[in-house]
N, C-alpha and C. Protein backbone atom coordinates (compact mmCIF):
# COMPACT_ATOMS: atom_id res chain seq x y z
N ALA A 1 36.28 104.88 122.94
CA ALA A 1 37.16 104.10 123.79
C ALA A 1 37.81 102.99 122.98
N SER A 2 37.03 102.32 122.14
CA SER A 2 37.60 101.23 121.35
C SER A 2 38.59 101.76 120.31
N GLU A 3 38.30 102.96 119.79
CA GLU A 3 39.23 103.59 118.84
C GLU A 3 40.57 103.87 119.51
N ARG A 4 40.51 104.39 120.74
CA ARG A 4 41.75 104.67 121.48
C ARG A 4 42.51 103.39 121.76
N ARG A 5 41.82 102.33 122.13
CA ARG A 5 42.46 101.05 122.40
C ARG A 5 43.15 100.51 121.15
N ARG A 6 42.49 100.62 120.02
CA ARG A 6 43.06 100.14 118.76
C ARG A 6 44.32 100.92 118.41
N ARG A 7 44.30 102.24 118.59
CA ARG A 7 45.48 103.06 118.32
C ARG A 7 46.62 102.71 119.27
N ALA A 8 46.30 102.48 120.53
CA ALA A 8 47.33 102.12 121.52
C ALA A 8 47.95 100.78 121.16
N GLN A 9 47.13 99.84 120.72
CA GLN A 9 47.65 98.54 120.33
C GLN A 9 48.52 98.64 119.09
N SER A 10 48.07 99.41 118.11
CA SER A 10 48.84 99.51 116.87
C SER A 10 50.14 100.27 117.09
N SER A 11 50.17 101.24 118.00
CA SER A 11 51.39 102.01 118.23
C SER A 11 52.38 101.24 119.10
N SER A 12 51.90 100.28 119.90
CA SER A 12 52.82 99.54 120.76
C SER A 12 53.53 98.43 119.99
N ARG A 13 52.99 98.05 118.84
CA ARG A 13 53.65 97.03 118.03
C ARG A 13 54.90 97.59 117.40
N GLN A 14 55.89 96.72 117.25
CA GLN A 14 57.11 97.14 116.57
C GLN A 14 56.87 97.09 115.06
N PRO A 15 57.40 98.06 114.34
CA PRO A 15 57.21 98.04 112.89
C PRO A 15 57.92 96.83 112.27
N ARG A 16 57.32 96.31 111.24
CA ARG A 16 57.88 95.15 110.55
C ARG A 16 58.67 95.61 109.33
N SER A 17 59.76 94.91 109.05
CA SER A 17 60.51 95.21 107.84
C SER A 17 59.86 94.48 106.68
N ARG A 18 60.36 94.70 105.51
CA ARG A 18 59.76 94.07 104.33
C ARG A 18 59.92 92.56 104.35
N ALA A 19 61.02 92.08 104.96
CA ALA A 19 61.27 90.65 105.00
C ALA A 19 60.42 89.96 106.06
N GLY A 20 59.70 90.73 106.87
CA GLY A 20 58.85 90.13 107.87
C GLY A 20 59.51 90.03 109.24
N ARG A 21 60.79 90.43 109.35
CA ARG A 21 61.46 90.40 110.64
C ARG A 21 61.25 91.72 111.36
N ASP A 22 61.41 91.69 112.65
CA ASP A 22 61.32 92.93 113.42
C ASP A 22 62.52 93.80 113.08
N THR A 23 62.28 95.09 112.87
CA THR A 23 63.38 95.99 112.55
C THR A 23 64.29 96.20 113.75
N ALA A 24 63.77 95.98 114.95
CA ALA A 24 64.60 96.14 116.14
C ALA A 24 65.65 95.03 116.23
N THR A 25 65.35 93.85 115.72
CA THR A 25 66.30 92.75 115.80
C THR A 25 67.21 92.68 114.58
N ALA A 26 66.89 93.37 113.51
CA ALA A 26 67.71 93.31 112.30
C ALA A 26 69.14 93.80 112.52
N PRO A 27 69.38 94.94 113.20
CA PRO A 27 70.76 95.35 113.45
C PRO A 27 71.53 94.35 114.30
N ALA A 28 70.85 93.73 115.26
CA ALA A 28 71.52 92.73 116.09
C ALA A 28 71.91 91.52 115.25
N ALA A 29 71.03 91.14 114.34
CA ALA A 29 71.33 90.00 113.47
C ALA A 29 72.50 90.32 112.54
N ARG A 30 72.52 91.56 112.01
CA ARG A 30 73.64 91.95 111.14
C ARG A 30 74.94 91.96 111.92
N ALA A 31 74.91 92.46 113.15
CA ALA A 31 76.12 92.50 113.98
C ALA A 31 76.60 91.08 114.28
N ALA A 32 75.67 90.18 114.56
CA ALA A 32 76.04 88.79 114.82
C ALA A 32 76.66 88.15 113.58
N THR A 33 76.12 88.45 112.42
CA THR A 33 76.68 87.92 111.17
C THR A 33 78.08 88.46 110.94
N ARG A 34 78.28 89.77 111.19
CA ARG A 34 79.61 90.36 111.04
C ARG A 34 80.61 89.72 111.99
N ARG A 35 80.18 89.50 113.25
CA ARG A 35 81.07 88.86 114.23
C ARG A 35 81.44 87.46 113.78
N ARG A 36 80.46 86.73 113.28
CA ARG A 36 80.70 85.37 112.82
C ARG A 36 81.67 85.36 111.65
N GLN A 37 81.49 86.26 110.69
CA GLN A 37 82.39 86.34 109.54
C GLN A 37 83.81 86.69 109.98
N THR A 38 83.93 87.61 110.93
CA THR A 38 85.24 87.99 111.44
C THR A 38 85.90 86.81 112.13
N ARG A 39 85.10 86.09 112.93
CA ARG A 39 85.63 84.94 113.65
C ARG A 39 86.12 83.87 112.68
N VAL A 40 85.36 83.61 111.62
CA VAL A 40 85.75 82.61 110.63
C VAL A 40 87.03 83.03 109.92
N ALA A 41 87.11 84.31 109.53
CA ALA A 41 88.32 84.79 108.86
C ALA A 41 89.52 84.71 109.79
N TRP A 42 89.33 85.04 111.06
CA TRP A 42 90.43 84.96 112.02
C TRP A 42 90.89 83.52 112.20
N ARG A 43 89.94 82.59 112.34
CA ARG A 43 90.33 81.18 112.48
C ARG A 43 91.06 80.69 111.24
N ARG A 44 90.59 81.10 110.07
CA ARG A 44 91.23 80.70 108.83
C ARG A 44 92.67 81.22 108.80
N TRP A 45 92.85 82.46 109.21
CA TRP A 45 94.19 83.04 109.21
C TRP A 45 95.06 82.38 110.25
N ARG A 46 94.55 82.18 111.48
CA ARG A 46 95.34 81.56 112.55
C ARG A 46 95.67 80.12 112.20
N GLY A 47 94.76 79.44 111.54
CA GLY A 47 95.01 78.06 111.17
C GLY A 47 96.07 77.92 110.10
N SER A 48 96.27 78.97 109.32
CA SER A 48 97.25 78.89 108.23
C SER A 48 98.59 79.46 108.62
N THR A 49 98.75 79.96 109.86
CA THR A 49 100.02 80.55 110.26
C THR A 49 101.01 79.46 110.60
N SER A 50 102.26 79.74 110.36
CA SER A 50 103.31 78.81 110.73
C SER A 50 104.34 79.55 111.56
N SER A 51 104.82 78.93 112.61
CA SER A 51 105.76 79.60 113.50
C SER A 51 107.15 79.70 112.89
N SER A 52 107.42 78.95 111.84
CA SER A 52 108.74 79.00 111.22
C SER A 52 108.85 80.08 110.16
N SER A 53 107.81 80.87 110.01
CA SER A 53 107.81 81.93 109.00
C SER A 53 108.91 82.94 109.29
N GLU A 54 109.56 83.42 108.25
CA GLU A 54 110.68 84.35 108.42
C GLU A 54 110.22 85.68 108.99
N CYS A 55 109.07 86.16 108.57
CA CYS A 55 108.64 87.49 109.01
C CYS A 55 107.75 87.43 110.24
N GLY A 56 107.33 86.26 110.65
CA GLY A 56 106.56 86.15 111.87
C GLY A 56 105.08 86.46 111.70
N SER A 57 104.63 86.77 110.52
CA SER A 57 103.22 87.12 110.35
C SER A 57 102.39 85.92 109.91
N GLY A 58 103.01 84.81 109.59
CA GLY A 58 102.27 83.63 109.19
C GLY A 58 101.88 83.68 107.72
N SER A 59 101.27 82.60 107.27
CA SER A 59 100.85 82.52 105.89
C SER A 59 99.53 83.25 105.72
N LEU A 60 99.39 83.95 104.63
CA LEU A 60 98.17 84.71 104.36
C LEU A 60 97.39 84.09 103.21
N LEU A 61 97.69 82.82 102.89
CA LEU A 61 97.08 82.21 101.71
C LEU A 61 95.58 81.98 101.87
N GLY A 62 95.09 81.74 103.08
CA GLY A 62 93.68 81.44 103.26
C GLY A 62 92.79 82.67 103.29
N LEU A 63 93.37 83.84 103.24
CA LEU A 63 92.58 85.06 103.35
C LEU A 63 92.23 85.63 101.99
N LEU A 64 91.20 86.43 101.97
CA LEU A 64 90.86 87.18 100.77
C LEU A 64 91.93 88.25 100.56
N PRO A 65 92.12 88.73 99.35
CA PRO A 65 93.19 89.71 99.09
C PRO A 65 93.13 90.94 99.98
N ALA A 66 91.97 91.51 100.20
CA ALA A 66 91.87 92.71 101.03
C ALA A 66 92.23 92.40 102.48
N GLU A 67 91.78 91.24 102.98
CA GLU A 67 92.11 90.84 104.35
C GLU A 67 93.60 90.59 104.50
N ALA A 68 94.20 89.95 103.51
CA ALA A 68 95.63 89.66 103.56
C ALA A 68 96.44 90.95 103.53
N GLU A 69 96.02 91.89 102.71
CA GLU A 69 96.72 93.17 102.63
C GLU A 69 96.60 93.93 103.95
N ALA A 70 95.42 93.91 104.54
CA ALA A 70 95.23 94.59 105.82
C ALA A 70 96.07 93.93 106.92
N ALA A 71 96.13 92.60 106.91
CA ALA A 71 96.94 91.88 107.90
C ALA A 71 98.42 92.20 107.72
N THR A 72 98.87 92.28 106.47
CA THR A 72 100.27 92.61 106.21
C THR A 72 100.58 94.02 106.69
N LEU A 73 99.69 94.97 106.42
CA LEU A 73 99.94 96.35 106.86
C LEU A 73 99.90 96.47 108.38
N ARG A 74 99.05 95.68 109.04
CA ARG A 74 99.05 95.68 110.50
C ARG A 74 100.37 95.14 111.03
N ALA A 75 100.89 94.09 110.41
CA ALA A 75 102.17 93.53 110.84
C ALA A 75 103.30 94.53 110.60
N VAL A 76 103.27 95.24 109.47
CA VAL A 76 104.28 96.26 109.19
C VAL A 76 104.21 97.35 110.25
N ARG A 77 103.02 97.83 110.54
CA ARG A 77 102.85 98.88 111.55
C ARG A 77 103.35 98.41 112.92
N SER A 78 103.09 97.15 113.24
CA SER A 78 103.54 96.59 114.50
C SER A 78 105.06 96.58 114.57
N HIS A 79 105.72 96.16 113.49
CA HIS A 79 107.19 96.14 113.47
C HIS A 79 107.77 97.55 113.55
N VAL A 80 107.15 98.49 112.86
CA VAL A 80 107.66 99.88 112.90
C VAL A 80 107.48 100.46 114.30
N ASN A 81 106.38 100.10 114.97
CA ASN A 81 106.18 100.58 116.34
C ASN A 81 107.25 100.05 117.29
N LYS A 82 107.76 98.87 117.02
CA LYS A 82 108.78 98.25 117.88
C LYS A 82 110.19 98.66 117.51
N LEU A 83 110.34 99.43 116.45
CA LEU A 83 111.66 99.77 115.93
C LEU A 83 112.39 100.72 116.87
N THR A 84 113.55 100.28 117.36
CA THR A 84 114.45 101.09 118.19
C THR A 84 115.87 100.86 117.68
N PRO A 85 116.84 101.66 118.11
CA PRO A 85 118.22 101.39 117.68
C PRO A 85 118.69 99.99 118.08
N GLU A 86 118.20 99.47 119.20
CA GLU A 86 118.61 98.14 119.64
C GLU A 86 117.96 97.03 118.83
N SER A 87 116.72 97.22 118.42
CA SER A 87 116.00 96.17 117.71
C SER A 87 116.08 96.32 116.19
N GLU A 88 116.83 97.30 115.73
CA GLU A 88 116.90 97.59 114.30
C GLU A 88 117.41 96.38 113.51
N ALA A 89 118.47 95.74 113.98
CA ALA A 89 119.06 94.61 113.26
C ALA A 89 118.10 93.43 113.17
N LEU A 90 117.25 93.26 114.16
CA LEU A 90 116.31 92.15 114.17
C LEU A 90 115.07 92.44 113.32
N LEU A 91 114.57 93.67 113.39
CA LEU A 91 113.29 93.98 112.76
C LEU A 91 113.38 94.34 111.28
N LEU A 92 114.51 94.88 110.84
CA LEU A 92 114.60 95.27 109.42
C LEU A 92 114.50 94.08 108.46
N PRO A 93 115.15 92.94 108.72
CA PRO A 93 114.92 91.79 107.82
C PRO A 93 113.47 91.32 107.83
N ARG A 94 112.80 91.43 108.97
CA ARG A 94 111.38 91.05 109.03
C ARG A 94 110.53 92.03 108.21
N LEU A 95 110.85 93.32 108.32
CA LEU A 95 110.12 94.30 107.50
C LEU A 95 110.36 94.04 106.02
N ALA A 96 111.60 93.71 105.67
CA ALA A 96 111.90 93.40 104.27
C ALA A 96 111.12 92.18 103.79
N ALA A 97 111.01 91.17 104.65
CA ALA A 97 110.24 89.97 104.29
C ALA A 97 108.77 90.30 104.11
N LEU A 98 108.25 91.17 104.97
CA LEU A 98 106.85 91.58 104.82
C LEU A 98 106.63 92.35 103.53
N CYS A 99 107.61 93.19 103.16
CA CYS A 99 107.49 93.95 101.91
C CYS A 99 107.59 93.02 100.71
N ARG A 100 108.43 91.99 100.81
CA ARG A 100 108.56 91.02 99.72
C ARG A 100 107.28 90.19 99.56
N SER A 101 106.67 89.85 100.69
CA SER A 101 105.44 89.08 100.61
C SER A 101 104.38 89.95 99.95
N ARG A 102 103.39 89.35 99.39
CA ARG A 102 102.33 90.08 98.70
C ARG A 102 102.87 90.87 97.51
N ARG A 103 103.96 90.41 96.93
CA ARG A 103 104.53 90.99 95.70
C ARG A 103 104.81 92.48 95.81
N PHE A 104 105.44 92.87 96.88
CA PHE A 104 105.91 94.23 97.13
C PHE A 104 104.78 95.25 97.25
N ARG A 105 103.55 94.78 97.49
CA ARG A 105 102.45 95.74 97.66
C ARG A 105 102.57 96.52 98.96
N ALA A 106 103.28 95.97 99.94
CA ALA A 106 103.42 96.64 101.23
C ALA A 106 104.61 97.60 101.24
N LEU A 107 105.40 97.63 100.18
CA LEU A 107 106.61 98.45 100.17
C LEU A 107 106.27 99.94 100.25
N THR A 108 105.39 100.41 99.40
CA THR A 108 105.04 101.83 99.39
C THR A 108 104.44 102.29 100.72
N PRO A 109 103.45 101.56 101.28
CA PRO A 109 102.94 101.99 102.59
C PRO A 109 103.99 101.93 103.70
N THR A 110 104.92 100.97 103.62
CA THR A 110 105.97 100.88 104.62
C THR A 110 106.89 102.08 104.56
N LEU A 111 107.32 102.43 103.36
CA LEU A 111 108.21 103.58 103.21
C LEU A 111 107.49 104.88 103.58
N ARG A 112 106.22 104.98 103.20
CA ARG A 112 105.44 106.16 103.56
C ARG A 112 105.33 106.30 105.08
N LEU A 113 105.09 105.18 105.75
CA LEU A 113 104.99 105.19 107.21
C LEU A 113 106.31 105.60 107.85
N LEU A 114 107.42 105.07 107.35
CA LEU A 114 108.73 105.42 107.91
C LEU A 114 109.05 106.90 107.71
N VAL A 115 108.73 107.44 106.55
CA VAL A 115 109.01 108.85 106.29
C VAL A 115 108.12 109.74 107.17
N ARG A 116 106.85 109.37 107.32
CA ARG A 116 105.96 110.15 108.20
C ARG A 116 106.46 110.12 109.64
N ARG A 117 106.89 108.94 110.09
CA ARG A 117 107.41 108.85 111.44
C ARG A 117 108.67 109.70 111.61
N ALA A 118 109.51 109.72 110.58
CA ALA A 118 110.72 110.54 110.66
C ALA A 118 110.37 112.02 110.77
N ALA A 119 109.32 112.45 110.08
CA ALA A 119 108.91 113.85 110.15
C ALA A 119 108.27 114.19 111.49
N ARG A 120 107.53 113.24 112.07
CA ARG A 120 106.83 113.50 113.32
C ARG A 120 107.71 113.34 114.56
N GLU A 121 108.68 112.44 114.48
CA GLU A 121 109.51 112.14 115.65
C GLU A 121 110.96 112.47 115.34
N PRO A 122 111.38 113.70 115.58
CA PRO A 122 112.75 114.10 115.23
C PRO A 122 113.83 113.33 115.99
N VAL A 123 113.50 112.82 117.16
CA VAL A 123 114.48 112.06 117.94
C VAL A 123 114.88 110.78 117.19
N TYR A 124 113.90 110.15 116.54
CA TYR A 124 114.15 108.90 115.83
C TYR A 124 114.28 109.09 114.31
N ALA A 125 114.39 110.31 113.85
CA ALA A 125 114.45 110.56 112.40
C ALA A 125 115.63 109.85 111.76
N GLU A 126 116.77 109.87 112.44
CA GLU A 126 117.95 109.19 111.90
C GLU A 126 117.72 107.69 111.80
N LEU A 127 117.08 107.12 112.80
CA LEU A 127 116.77 105.68 112.79
C LEU A 127 115.86 105.34 111.61
N TYR A 128 114.83 106.15 111.40
CA TYR A 128 113.89 105.88 110.30
C TYR A 128 114.57 106.07 108.95
N ALA A 129 115.45 107.06 108.83
CA ALA A 129 116.18 107.25 107.57
C ALA A 129 117.09 106.05 107.30
N ARG A 130 117.79 105.58 108.33
CA ARG A 130 118.62 104.37 108.17
C ARG A 130 117.76 103.17 107.78
N SER A 131 116.57 103.10 108.35
CA SER A 131 115.67 101.98 108.05
C SER A 131 115.24 102.00 106.59
N VAL A 132 114.93 103.18 106.08
CA VAL A 132 114.54 103.29 104.66
C VAL A 132 115.71 102.85 103.77
N ALA A 133 116.91 103.31 104.10
CA ALA A 133 118.10 102.94 103.30
C ALA A 133 118.37 101.44 103.40
N ALA A 134 118.24 100.89 104.61
CA ALA A 134 118.49 99.46 104.79
C ALA A 134 117.44 98.62 104.05
N LEU A 135 116.19 99.05 104.10
CA LEU A 135 115.15 98.33 103.35
C LEU A 135 115.44 98.35 101.86
N ALA A 136 115.87 99.51 101.37
CA ALA A 136 116.19 99.61 99.94
C ALA A 136 117.33 98.67 99.58
N SER A 137 118.36 98.61 100.42
CA SER A 137 119.50 97.74 100.11
C SER A 137 119.12 96.26 100.25
N LEU A 138 118.28 95.93 101.26
CA LEU A 138 117.86 94.53 101.43
C LEU A 138 116.96 94.08 100.28
N LEU A 139 116.11 94.96 99.84
CA LEU A 139 115.16 94.58 98.79
C LEU A 139 115.77 94.59 97.41
N CYS A 140 116.83 95.40 97.21
CA CYS A 140 117.48 95.46 95.91
C CYS A 140 118.57 94.41 95.77
N ALA A 141 118.99 93.81 96.88
CA ALA A 141 120.04 92.79 96.85
C ALA A 141 119.49 91.53 96.19
N ALA A 142 120.40 90.81 95.58
CA ALA A 142 119.99 89.54 94.93
C ALA A 142 119.56 88.55 96.00
N PRO A 143 118.49 87.80 95.76
CA PRO A 143 118.03 86.84 96.77
C PRO A 143 119.07 85.75 96.96
N SER A 144 119.28 85.37 98.23
CA SER A 144 120.25 84.31 98.52
C SER A 144 119.64 82.96 98.23
N ALA A 145 120.46 82.06 97.72
CA ALA A 145 119.97 80.75 97.34
C ALA A 145 120.08 79.74 98.45
């Protein structure tokens, strides 16, 4: 009877990790740490944004390079999603500004996205082709002083 009780007690305990913490709480702690890191990065990014920015995405100076690149690509994707014949004149200079920011690192993904959209959406293929041509002309033009 005492042997059975001892086994029942030992099996009801949660296994311990090497660090001495319960393994059941370790994933929750990791998730909380990830949430905290995300929140800090978001606050840092929101705190560094300026509403007078030409491209509307704000300053990315406070972010790590990978975070800044991801934020730029999200902004590019957002602008491409909003692209219509009516909004073309407004959004193309913003797309060009986003491509110029981060030293043209967003240019290749932007053009790739526009070409893929042109292949997938034949109704807007002409719009996307015009957008690629307009981006090329905006980016190759001499910067205005």
